[in-house]
Amino acid sequence: MRVLIIGCGYVGLPLGVELLRQGHAVSGLRRSAAGAASLQSAGLHPLTADITRPGDLAKLPLPYDWIVNTISDKAVSDKAVSDKAVSDKAVSERMKIRKR
């Protein structure tokens, strides 16, 4: 299966490594290119995008069988939380996630 892990850091990176071990093709999404090296060294396909920007979402390679959101809301402002909720909706619409 093709898997996209959004916010592939503290929680997402170990998840991605485990999914790779199980034979899945895993892409990890980080907001900045600074994290790409850690994703690549772990064997994940690194992607960079800000999910609050629809233009960044439009550039993501599709489709994915699974999309996992591991973005942390820790220590963010109310506006950032609100932006994340809006971006979750945008991600869902862009990726055409099916409810199972």
Foldseek 3Di string as FASTA:
>chain_A
DEEEEEPCDDPNVVVQLVVVVVPYQYEYEDQDCVCCVVCVVSPHHYDHHDLLDLVRLLPDDDDGPYYHYPDDPPPDDPVVVVSVVVSVVSNCVSNVDDDD
